C-alpha atoms as a PDB file:
ATOM      1  CA  MET A   1      50.985-117.176  41.020  1.00  0.00           C
ATOM      2  CA  PRO A   2      49.431-114.746  38.532  1.00  0.00           C
ATOM      3  CA  ILE A   3      50.888-114.155  35.087  1.00  0.00           C
ATOM      4  CA  ASP A   4      53.426-111.310  35.134  1.00  0.00           C
ATOM      5  CA  PRO A   5      53.850-109.873  31.605  1.00  0.00           C
ATOM      6  CA  SER A   6      56.674-107.602  32.767  1.00  0.00           C
ATOM      7  CA  LYS A   7      58.782-110.716  33.387  1.00  0.00           C
ATOM      8  CA  ALA A   8      57.440-113.174  30.811  1.00  0.00           C
ATOM      9  CA  LEU A   9      56.775-111.104  27.690  1.00  0.00           C
ATOM     10  CA  GLY A  10      59.757-111.158  25.349  1.00  0.00           C
ATOM     11  CA  TYR A  11      61.513-113.952  27.244  1.00  0.00           C
ATOM     12  CA  GLU A  12      63.888-115.764  24.863  1.00  0.00           C
ATOM     13  CA  PHE A  13      64.488-119.500  24.953  1.00  0.00           C
ATOM     14  CA  PRO A  14      67.993-120.850  24.455  1.00  0.00           C
ATOM     15  CA  GLU A  15      68.826-121.778  20.886  1.00  0.00           C
ATOM     16  CA  SER A  16      68.202-125.421  20.094  1.00  0.00           C
ATOM     17  CA  GLU A  17      69.385-127.676  17.280  1.00  0.00           C
ATOM     18  CA  THR A  18      67.647-130.605  15.658  1.00  0.00           C
ATOM     19  CA  SER A  19      67.556-132.480  12.387  1.00  0.00           C
ATOM     20  CA  TRP A  20      65.271-134.667  10.342  1.00  0.00           C
ATOM     21  CA  SER A  21      65.627-137.300   7.660  1.00  0.00           C
ATOM     22  CA  GLN A  22      63.474-138.613   4.839  1.00  0.00           C
ATOM     23  CA  ASP A  23      62.143-141.302   7.177  1.00  0.00           C
ATOM     24  CA  ASP A  24      60.908-138.637   9.614  1.00  0.00           C
ATOM     25  CA  VAL A  25      59.061-136.883   6.795  1.00  0.00           C
ATOM     26  CA  ILE A  26      57.490-140.120   5.560  1.00  0.00           C
ATOM     27  CA  LEU A  27      56.421-141.098   9.093  1.00  0.00           C
ATOM     28  CA  TYR A  28      54.773-137.694   9.524  1.00  0.00           C
ATOM     29  CA  HIS A  29      52.916-138.027   6.228  1.00  0.00           C
ATOM     30  CA  LEU A  30      51.662-141.488   7.216  1.00  0.00           C
ATOM     31  CA  GLY A  31      50.641-139.987  10.561  1.00  0.00           C
ATOM     32  CA  VAL A  32      48.355-137.461   8.835  1.00  0.00           C
ATOM     33  CA  GLY A  33      46.800-140.060   6.543  1.00  0.00           C
ATOM     34  CA  ALA A  34      48.949-140.086   3.408  1.00  0.00           C
ATOM     35  CA  GLY A  35      49.405-143.249   1.380  1.00  0.00           C
ATOM     36  CA  VAL A  36      45.833-144.080   0.373  1.00  0.00           C
ATOM     37  CA  PRO A  37      45.765-145.666  -2.173  1.00  0.00           C
ATOM     38  CA  ALA A  38      49.258-146.974  -1.466  1.00  0.00           C
ATOM     39  CA  THR A  39      50.319-147.183  -5.131  1.00  0.00           C
ATOM     40  CA  GLU A  40      48.799-143.878  -6.257  1.00  0.00           C
ATOM     41  CA  PRO A  41      51.650-141.782  -7.779  1.00  0.00           C
ATOM     42  CA  ALA A  42      50.512-138.625  -5.973  1.00  0.00           C
ATOM     43  CA  GLU A  43      50.479-140.461  -2.631  1.00  0.00           C
ATOM     44  CA  LEU A  44      53.884-142.023  -3.248  1.00  0.00           C
ATOM     45  CA  GLU A  45      55.315-138.486  -3.409  1.00  0.00           C
ATOM     46  CA  TYR A  46      54.463-138.305   0.314  1.00  0.00           C
ATOM     47  CA  THR A  47      55.451-141.837   1.285  1.00  0.00           C
ATOM     48  CA  TYR A  48      58.351-143.002  -0.909  1.00  0.00           C
ATOM     49  CA  GLU A  49      61.788-141.403  -1.030  1.00  0.00           C
ATOM     50  CA  LYS A  50      62.076-141.528  -4.840  1.00  0.00           C
ATOM     51  CA  ASP A  51      60.217-138.232  -5.477  1.00  0.00           C
ATOM     52  CA  LEU A  52      59.590-137.213  -1.883  1.00  0.00           C
ATOM     53  CA  LYS A  53      58.083-133.811  -1.090  1.00  0.00           C
ATOM     54  CA  VAL A  54      57.268-132.246   2.287  1.00  0.00           C
ATOM     55  CA  LEU A  55      53.943-130.915   3.529  1.00  0.00           C
ATOM     56  CA  PRO A  56      54.457-127.417   4.985  1.00  0.00           C
ATOM     57  CA  SER A  57      52.644-128.473   8.160  1.00  0.00           C
ATOM     58  CA  PHE A  58      55.598-130.779   8.906  1.00  0.00           C
ATOM     59  CA  GLY A  59      57.370-127.651  10.142  1.00  0.00           C
ATOM     60  CA  VAL A  60      55.567-127.911  13.493  1.00  0.00           C
ATOM     61  CA  ILE A  61      57.359-131.175  14.306  1.00  0.00           C
ATOM     62  CA  PRO A  62      61.045-130.183  14.627  1.00  0.00           C
ATOM     63  CA  VAL A  63      60.428-127.334  17.112  1.00  0.00           C
ATOM     64  CA  PHE A  64      58.916-129.281  20.016  1.00  0.00           C
ATOM     65  CA  GLY A  65      62.305-129.473  21.711  1.00  0.00           C
ATOM     66  CA  ALA A  66      62.742-125.712  21.452  1.00  0.00           C
ATOM     67  CA  MET A  67      59.626-125.212  23.605  1.00  0.00           C
ATOM     68  CA  GLY A  68      60.780-127.546  26.342  1.00  0.00           C
ATOM     69  CA  GLY A  69      61.659-124.672  28.655  1.00  0.00           C
ATOM     70  CA  ILE A  70      58.196-123.102  28.795  1.00  0.00           C
ATOM     71  CA  GLY A  71      57.801-124.299  32.372  1.00  0.00           C
ATOM     72  CA  ASN A  72      60.831-122.243  33.396  1.00  0.00           C
ATOM     73  CA  VAL A  73      59.752-118.871  31.982  1.00  0.00           C
ATOM     74  CA  PRO A  74      59.775-116.221  34.751  1.00  0.00           C
ATOM     75  CA  GLY A  75      56.304-114.808  35.353  1.00  0.00           C
ATOM     76  CA  LEU A  76      54.600-117.641  33.442  1.00  0.00           C
ATOM     77  CA  GLU A  77      53.580-120.140  36.080  1.00  0.00           C
ATOM     78  CA  PHE A  78      50.572-122.300  35.158  1.00  0.00           C
ATOM     79  CA  ASN A  79      49.061-125.766  35.509  1.00  0.00           C
ATOM     80  CA  PHE A  80      50.005-127.867  32.459  1.00  0.00           C
ATOM     81  CA  ALA A  81      46.758-129.830  32.831  1.00  0.00           C
ATOM     82  CA  MET A  82      44.891-126.583  32.088  1.00  0.00           C
ATOM     83  CA  LEU A  83      46.752-125.866  28.838  1.00  0.00           C
ATOM     84  CA  LEU A  84      44.860-125.976  25.527  1.00  0.00           C
ATOM     85  CA  HIS A  85      46.327-125.471  22.055  1.00  0.00           C
ATOM     86  CA  GLY A  86      44.175-122.704  20.583  1.00  0.00           C
ATOM     87  CA  GLU A  87      45.743-121.759  17.258  1.00  0.00           C
ATOM     88  CA  GLN A  88      48.710-122.572  15.039  1.00  0.00           C
ATOM     89  CA  ASP A  89      50.408-120.347  12.469  1.00  0.00           C
ATOM     90  CA  ILE A  90      53.393-121.346  10.353  1.00  0.00           C
ATOM     91  CA  GLU A  91      55.159-119.197   7.779  1.00  0.00           C
ATOM     92  CA  ILE A  92      57.226-121.082   5.216  1.00  0.00           C
ATOM     93  CA  HIS A  93      60.110-118.930   3.991  1.00  0.00           C
ATOM     94  CA  ARG A  94      61.375-121.615   1.607  1.00  0.00           C
ATOM     95  CA  PRO A  95      59.962-125.014   0.592  1.00  0.00           C
ATOM     96  CA  LEU A  96      60.967-127.531   3.238  1.00  0.00           C
ATOM     97  CA  PRO A  97      63.793-129.943   2.345  1.00  0.00           C
ATOM     98  CA  THR A  98      63.365-133.692   2.805  1.00  0.00           C
ATOM     99  CA  ALA A  99      66.316-133.720   5.225  1.00  0.00           C
ATOM    100  CA  ALA A 100      67.869-130.875   7.194  1.00  0.00           C
ATOM    101  CA  LYS A 101      69.711-129.725  10.292  1.00  0.00           C
ATOM    102  CA  ILE A 102      68.191-126.591  11.811  1.00  0.00           C
ATOM    103  CA  ARG A 103      68.611-124.110  14.635  1.00  0.00           C
ATOM    104  CA  SER A 104      65.552-122.653  16.368  1.00  0.00           C
ATOM    105  CA  ARG A 105      65.181-119.642  18.624  1.00  0.00           C
ATOM    106  CA  GLY A 106      61.972-118.961  20.497  1.00  0.00           C
ATOM    107  CA  LYS A 107      60.393-116.214  22.535  1.00  0.00           C
ATOM    108  CA  VAL A 108      57.198-115.325  24.346  1.00  0.00           C
ATOM    109  CA  ALA A 109      55.750-113.057  21.652  1.00  0.00           C
ATOM    110  CA  GLY A 110      52.362-112.262  23.186  1.00  0.00           C
ATOM    111  CA  LEU A 111      50.387-112.443  26.433  1.00  0.00           C
ATOM    112  CA  TYR A 112      46.696-111.582  26.292  1.00  0.00           C
ATOM    113  CA  ASP A 113      44.173-111.459  29.108  1.00  0.00           C
ATOM    114  CA  LYS A 114      41.026-113.420  28.198  1.00  0.00           C
ATOM    115  CA  GLY A 115      39.429-112.956  31.601  1.00  0.00           C
ATOM    116  CA  LYS A 116      39.348-116.575  32.709  1.00  0.00           C
ATOM    117  CA  ALA A 117      42.450-117.530  30.741  1.00  0.00           C
ATOM    118  CA  CYS A 118      45.733-116.226  29.435  1.00  0.00           C
ATOM    119  CA  LEU A 119      46.501-116.515  25.731  1.00  0.00           C
ATOM    120  CA  CYS A 120      50.235-117.089  25.401  1.00  0.00           C
ATOM    121  CA  VAL A 121      51.839-116.830  21.965  1.00  0.00           C
ATOM    122  CA  LEU A 122      55.174-118.573  21.503  1.00  0.00           C
ATOM    123  CA  GLU A 123      57.125-117.675  18.357  1.00  0.00           C
ATOM    124  CA  LEU A 124      59.893-119.962  17.104  1.00  0.00           C
ATOM    125  CA  ALA A 125      62.079-119.059  14.144  1.00  0.00           C
ATOM    126  CA  SER A 126      64.016-121.893  12.501  1.00  0.00           C
ATOM    127  CA  SER A 127      66.940-121.656  10.084  1.00  0.00           C
ATOM    128  CA  ASP A 128      69.393-123.911   8.320  1.00  0.00           C
ATOM    129  CA  ASP A 129      72.763-123.046   6.810  1.00  0.00           C
ATOM    130  CA  GLU A 130      71.038-121.336   3.872  1.00  0.00           C
ATOM    131  CA  GLY A 131      69.044-118.962   6.085  1.00  0.00           C
ATOM    132  CA  PRO A 132      65.502-118.665   7.512  1.00  0.00           C
ATOM    133  CA  LEU A 133      63.341-121.709   6.789  1.00  0.00           C
ATOM    134  CA  PHE A 134      60.079-121.375   8.735  1.00  0.00           C
ATOM    135  CA  THR A 135      58.520-119.523  11.673  1.00  0.00           C
ATOM    136  CA  ASN A 136      55.945-121.080  14.008  1.00  0.00           C
ATOM    137  CA  ARG A 137      53.505-119.322  16.313  1.00  0.00           C
ATOM    138  CA  PHE A 138      51.819-121.522  18.911  1.00  0.00           C
ATOM    139  CA  SER A 139      48.837-119.849  20.620  1.00  0.00           C
ATOM    140  CA  LEU A 140      48.250-121.542  23.965  1.00  0.00           C
ATOM    141  CA  PHE A 141      45.243-121.024  26.247  1.00  0.00           C
ATOM    142  CA  LEU A 142      46.266-121.218  29.888  1.00  0.00           C
ATOM    143  CA  ARG A 143      42.940-121.762  31.614  1.00  0.00           C
ATOM    144  CA  GLY A 144      42.524-120.152  35.006  1.00  0.00           C
ATOM    145  CA  GLU A 145      45.378-117.699  34.460  1.00  0.00           C
ATOM    146  CA  GLY A 146      43.512-114.582  33.288  1.00  0.00           C
ATOM    147  CA  GLY A 147      42.804-111.398  35.187  1.00  0.00           C
ATOM    148  CA  PHE A 148      46.314-109.949  35.077  1.00  0.00           C
ATOM    149  CA  GLY A 149      45.294-106.934  32.949  1.00  0.00           C
ATOM    150  CA  GLY A 150      46.263-105.874  29.469  1.00  0.00           C
ATOM    151  CA  GLU A 151      44.913-106.382  25.966  1.00  0.00           C
ATOM    152  CA  SER A 152      42.519-109.213  25.147  1.00  0.00           C
ATOM    153  CA  GLY A 153      44.264-109.976  21.857  1.00  0.00           C
ATOM    154  CA  PRO A 154      43.395-109.753  18.167  1.00  0.00           C
ATOM    155  CA  LYS A 155      40.056-110.982  16.870  1.00  0.00           C
ATOM    156  CA  ALA A 156      39.898-114.140  14.804  1.00  0.00           C
ATOM    157  CA  GLY A 157      40.352-113.626  11.075  1.00  0.00           C
ATOM    158  CA  ASN A 158      40.186-115.845   7.999  1.00  0.00           C
ATOM    159  CA  LYS A 159      36.418-116.199   8.188  1.00  0.00           C
ATOM    160  CA  ALA A 160      34.940-118.466   5.544  1.00  0.00           C
ATOM    161  CA  PRO A 161      32.706-116.609   3.041  1.00  0.00           C
ATOM    162  CA  GLU A 162      28.932-117.087   3.060  1.00  0.00           C
ATOM    163  CA  ARG A 163      28.786-119.048  -0.169  1.00  0.00           C
ATOM    164  CA  ASP A 164      29.147-122.635  -1.204  1.00  0.00           C
ATOM    165  CA  PRO A 165      32.728-123.870  -0.985  1.00  0.00           C
ATOM    166  CA  ASP A 166      34.812-124.295  -4.108  1.00  0.00           C
ATOM    167  CA  GLY A 167      35.528-127.840  -3.032  1.00  0.00           C
ATOM    168  CA  VAL A 168      35.020-130.392  -0.270  1.00  0.00           C
ATOM    169  CA  VAL A 169      37.506-133.126   0.628  1.00  0.00           C
ATOM    170  CA  GLU A 170      36.823-136.181   2.779  1.00  0.00           C
ATOM    171  CA  SER A 171      39.825-137.637   4.613  1.00  0.00           C
ATOM    172  CA  PRO A 172      39.113-140.931   6.416  1.00  0.00           C
ATOM    173  CA  THR A 173      41.353-141.747   9.373  1.00  0.00           C
ATOM    174  CA  LEU A 174      42.387-145.017  10.981  1.00  0.00           C
ATOM    175  CA  PRO A 175      41.212-146.102  14.435  1.00  0.00           C
ATOM    176  CA  GLN A 176      44.935-146.201  15.335  1.00  0.00           C
ATOM    177  CA  GLN A 177      45.724-142.812  13.735  1.00  0.00           C
ATOM    178  CA  ALA A 178      46.702-141.183  17.039  1.00  0.00           C
ATOM    179  CA  LEU A 179      48.968-144.119  17.937  1.00  0.00           C
ATOM    180  CA  LEU A 180      50.762-143.641  14.624  1.00  0.00           C
ATOM    181  CA  TYR A 181      50.988-139.846  14.791  1.00  0.00           C
ATOM    182  CA  ARG A 182      52.365-139.843  18.360  1.00  0.00           C
ATOM    183  CA  LEU A 183      55.548-141.452  17.013  1.00  0.00           C
ATOM    184  CA  CYS A 184      56.309-138.046  15.454  1.00  0.00           C
ATOM    185  CA  GLY A 185      57.078-136.778  18.955  1.00  0.00           C
ATOM    186  CA  ASP A 186      53.902-135.822  20.838  1.00  0.00           C
ATOM    187  CA  LYS A 187      53.562-138.538  23.477  1.00  0.00           C
ATOM    188  CA  ASN A 188      50.733-136.928  25.475  1.00  0.00           C
ATOM    189  CA  PRO A 189      48.802-139.889  26.967  1.00  0.00           C
ATOM    190  CA  LEU A 190      45.527-138.088  26.207  1.00  0.00           C
ATOM    191  CA  HIS A 191      45.909-139.470  22.678  1.00  0.00           C
ATOM    192  CA  ALA A 192      46.625-143.104  23.641  1.00  0.00           C
ATOM    193  CA  ASP A 193      45.540-144.008  27.176  1.00  0.00           C
ATOM    194  CA  PRO A 194      41.756-144.530  27.644  1.00  0.00           C
ATOM    195  CA  ASP A 195      41.967-143.998  31.406  1.00  0.00           C
ATOM    196  CA  PHE A 196      43.864-140.737  30.972  1.00  0.00           C
ATOM    197  CA  ALA A 197      41.364-139.618  28.313  1.00  0.00           C
ATOM    198  CA  LYS A 198      38.481-140.249  30.733  1.00  0.00           C
ATOM    199  CA  MET A 199      40.229-138.026  33.298  1.00  0.00           C
ATOM    200  CA  GLY A 200      40.170-135.312  30.643  1.00  0.00           C
ATOM    201  CA  GLY A 201      36.458-135.780  30.058  1.00  0.00           C
ATOM    202  CA  PHE A 202      36.616-137.909  26.911  1.00  0.00           C
ATOM    203  CA  ASP A 203      35.165-141.390  26.449  1.00  0.00           C
ATOM    204  CA  THR A 204      38.138-142.422  24.302  1.00  0.00           C
ATOM    205  CA  PRO A 205      41.513-140.886  23.350  1.00  0.00           C
ATOM    206  CA  ILE A 206      41.289-137.956  20.940  1.00  0.00           C
ATOM    207  CA  LEU A 207      43.433-137.153  17.932  1.00  0.00           C
ATOM    208  CA  HIS A 208      46.245-134.613  18.306  1.00  0.00           C
ATOM    209  CA  GLY A 209      45.204-131.120  17.232  1.00  0.00           C
ATOM    210  CA  LEU A 210      48.351-130.831  15.133  1.00  0.00           C
ATOM    211  CA  CYS A 211      47.471-134.107  13.415  1.00  0.00           C
ATOM    212  CA  SER A 212      44.144-132.559  12.379  1.00  0.00           C
ATOM    213  CA  PHE A 213      46.167-129.507  11.321  1.00  0.00           C
ATOM    214  CA  GLY A 214      48.205-131.729   8.995  1.00  0.00           C
ATOM    215  CA  ILE A 215      45.204-133.639   7.633  1.00  0.00           C
ATOM    216  CA  VAL A 216      43.496-130.392   6.636  1.00  0.00           C
ATOM    217  CA  CYS A 217      46.729-129.049   5.127  1.00  0.00           C
ATOM    218  CA  LYS A 218      47.133-132.131   2.945  1.00  0.00           C
ATOM    219  CA  ALA A 219      43.501-131.978   1.827  1.00  0.00           C
ATOM    220  CA  ALA A 220      43.905-128.351   0.745  1.00  0.00           C
ATOM    221  CA  VAL A 221      47.286-128.833  -0.944  1.00  0.00           C
ATOM    222  CA  ASP A 222      46.048-131.837  -2.912  1.00  0.00           C
ATOM    223  CA  ALA A 223      42.646-130.472  -3.921  1.00  0.00           C
ATOM    224  CA  ALA A 224      43.244-126.733  -4.297  1.00  0.00           C
ATOM    225  CA  LEU A 225      46.948-126.595  -5.225  1.00  0.00           C
ATOM    226  CA  GLY A 226      47.298-129.740  -7.304  1.00  0.00           C
ATOM    227  CA  GLY A 227      49.659-131.266  -4.760  1.00  0.00           C
ATOM    228  CA  ASP A 228      52.177-128.399  -4.988  1.00  0.00           C
ATOM    229  CA  THR A 229      53.562-128.233  -1.440  1.00  0.00           C
ATOM    230  CA  SER A 230      56.000-125.477  -2.469  1.00  0.00           C
ATOM    231  CA  ALA A 231      53.091-123.101  -3.175  1.00  0.00           C
ATOM    232  CA  VAL A 232      52.302-122.637   0.531  1.00  0.00           C
ATOM    233  CA  ALA A 233      53.736-119.458   2.053  1.00  0.00           C
ATOM    234  CA  ARG A 234      51.721-119.539   5.278  1.00  0.00           C
ATOM    235  CA  TYR A 235      49.184-121.769   7.005  1.00  0.00           C
ATOM    236  CA  GLN A 236      47.025-120.552   9.901  1.00  0.00           C
ATOM    237  CA  ALA A 237      44.332-122.464  11.801  1.00  0.00           C
ATOM    238  CA  ARG A 238      42.180-122.298  14.912  1.00  0.00           C
ATOM    239  CA  PHE A 239      41.364-125.480  16.826  1.00  0.00           C
ATOM    240  CA  ALA A 240      37.594-125.423  17.332  1.00  0.00           C
ATOM    241  CA  GLY A 241      36.836-128.925  18.588  1.00  0.00           C
ATOM    242  CA  VAL A 242      38.049-132.466  19.114  1.00  0.00           C
ATOM    243  CA  PHE A 243      38.364-135.204  16.525  1.00  0.00           C
ATOM    244  CA  PHE A 244      38.379-138.933  17.249  1.00  0.00           C
ATOM    245  CA  PRO A 245      40.594-141.469  15.462  1.00  0.00           C
ATOM    246  CA  GLY A 246      38.561-143.457  12.945  1.00  0.00           C
ATOM    247  CA  GLU A 247      36.334-140.525  12.007  1.00  0.00           C
ATOM    248  CA  THR A 248      36.378-138.842   8.592  1.00  0.00           C
ATOM    249  CA  MET A 249      37.605-135.254   8.342  1.00  0.00           C
ATOM    250  CA  VAL A 250      35.512-133.150   5.959  1.00  0.00           C
ATOM    251  CA  THR A 251      37.450-130.108   4.742  1.00  0.00           C
ATOM    252  CA  SER A 252      35.777-127.287   2.800  1.00  0.00           C
ATOM    253  CA  TYR A 253      37.811-124.692   0.930  1.00  0.00           C
ATOM    254  CA  TRP A 254      37.206-121.333  -0.716  1.00  0.00           C
ATOM    255  CA  LYS A 255      39.647-119.600  -3.069  1.00  0.00           C
ATOM    256  CA  GLU A 256      39.790-115.885  -2.244  1.00  0.00           C
ATOM    257  CA  GLY A 257      42.612-113.893  -3.890  1.00  0.00           C
ATOM    258  CA  ASP A 258      45.952-115.184  -2.674  1.00  0.00           C
ATOM    259  CA  LYS A 259      44.309-117.197   0.112  1.00  0.00           C
ATOM    260  CA  ILE A 260      42.581-120.528   0.379  1.00  0.00           C
ATOM    261  CA  LEU A 261      40.160-120.292   3.299  1.00  0.00           C
ATOM    262  CA  LEU A 262      39.461-123.532   5.139  1.00  0.00           C
ATOM    263  CA  SER A 263      37.172-125.151   7.667  1.00  0.00           C
ATOM    264  CA  SER A 264      36.748-128.759   8.702  1.00  0.00           C
ATOM    265  CA  GLN A 265      34.380-130.928  10.683  1.00  0.00           C
ATOM    266  CA  SER A 266      33.796-134.519  11.711  1.00  0.00           C
ATOM    267  CA  LYS A 267      31.608-136.295   9.158  1.00  0.00           C
ATOM    268  CA  GLN A 268      30.169-138.598  11.798  1.00  0.00           C
ATOM    269  CA  ARG A 269      29.246-135.918  14.352  1.00  0.00           C
ATOM    270  CA  GLY A 270      28.970-132.759  12.229  1.00  0.00           C
ATOM    271  CA  ALA A 271      31.118-131.025  14.859  1.00  0.00           C
ATOM    272  CA  PRO A 272      33.685-128.358  13.882  1.00  0.00           C
ATOM    273  CA  VAL A 273      37.347-129.304  14.202  1.00  0.00           C
ATOM    274  CA  ILE A 274      39.337-126.509  12.519  1.00  0.00           C
ATOM    275  CA  THR A 275      37.972-123.030  11.713  1.00  0.00           C
ATOM    276  CA  ASN A 276      39.332-119.584  10.762  1.00  0.00           C
ATOM    277  CA  ALA A 277      41.997-121.321   8.738  1.00  0.00           C
ATOM    278  CA  ALA A 278      43.820-120.152   5.630  1.00  0.00           C
ATOM    279  CA  ILE A 279      46.679-121.038   3.347  1.00  0.00           C
ATOM    280  CA  THR A 280      48.434-118.059   1.800  1.00  0.00           C
ATOM    281  CA  VAL A 281      49.664-118.968  -1.675  1.00  0.00           C
ATOM    282  CA  ARG A 282      53.202-118.001  -2.555  1.00  0.00           C
ATOM    283  CA  GLY A 283      53.317-115.173  -5.100  1.00  0.00           C
END
């Protein structure tokens, strides 16, 4: 069945509730490579509850349950095997607490016709008892579902300037990085099962895109913001290619006004992983 924007666009998901603890935050940080060296004071702020802080990219984790009904959206029938995560955008309204109970409401915020695919934007706003906390926008490519008419969508922004970066950060990963990160909630077998990965066209399981998203976030926060996680007001990224556990992520950053522009690639293959990315610094 073709995509029907008249039915799907603006559809609202039921409100969902979830919570997290300090252990969930620490597990996430370990999943994106924190804790090296293990006794480094700056790393202990990510991995030990004494002075624990929260990477803003953690905000993608608690909302997975809120998207569970995407397969039931009227006018949005598609093959889940043809879904690709294209972009991620998270606005941080307040620095994330180390433990919280939140409510999330989601909607289909955009449907764009890419010809051979549909770009579906899901927006999820999350709040705690003190008010709005963060807003996620997941941009999903639904391959084979284009041709329904309508706008093609906004052009990619946050282009890196044509000058040498202000800094470059190398983030080694473990061969078992995907097995560790999947404990945060994304159990897609593509990231663990070699046979399933081969069905998807990969020789070995690949790392989660949102794990790469977190690795790049940490690199930028540590190198460009002195480890100040509270300084991040927004983080946007486009997924440009795959990354394999055990590779080293090379993140370049450029300071431009109130933004830190970012791009990353695999050191071993020289292949892009995240592009058109930016952190907006809180004023």
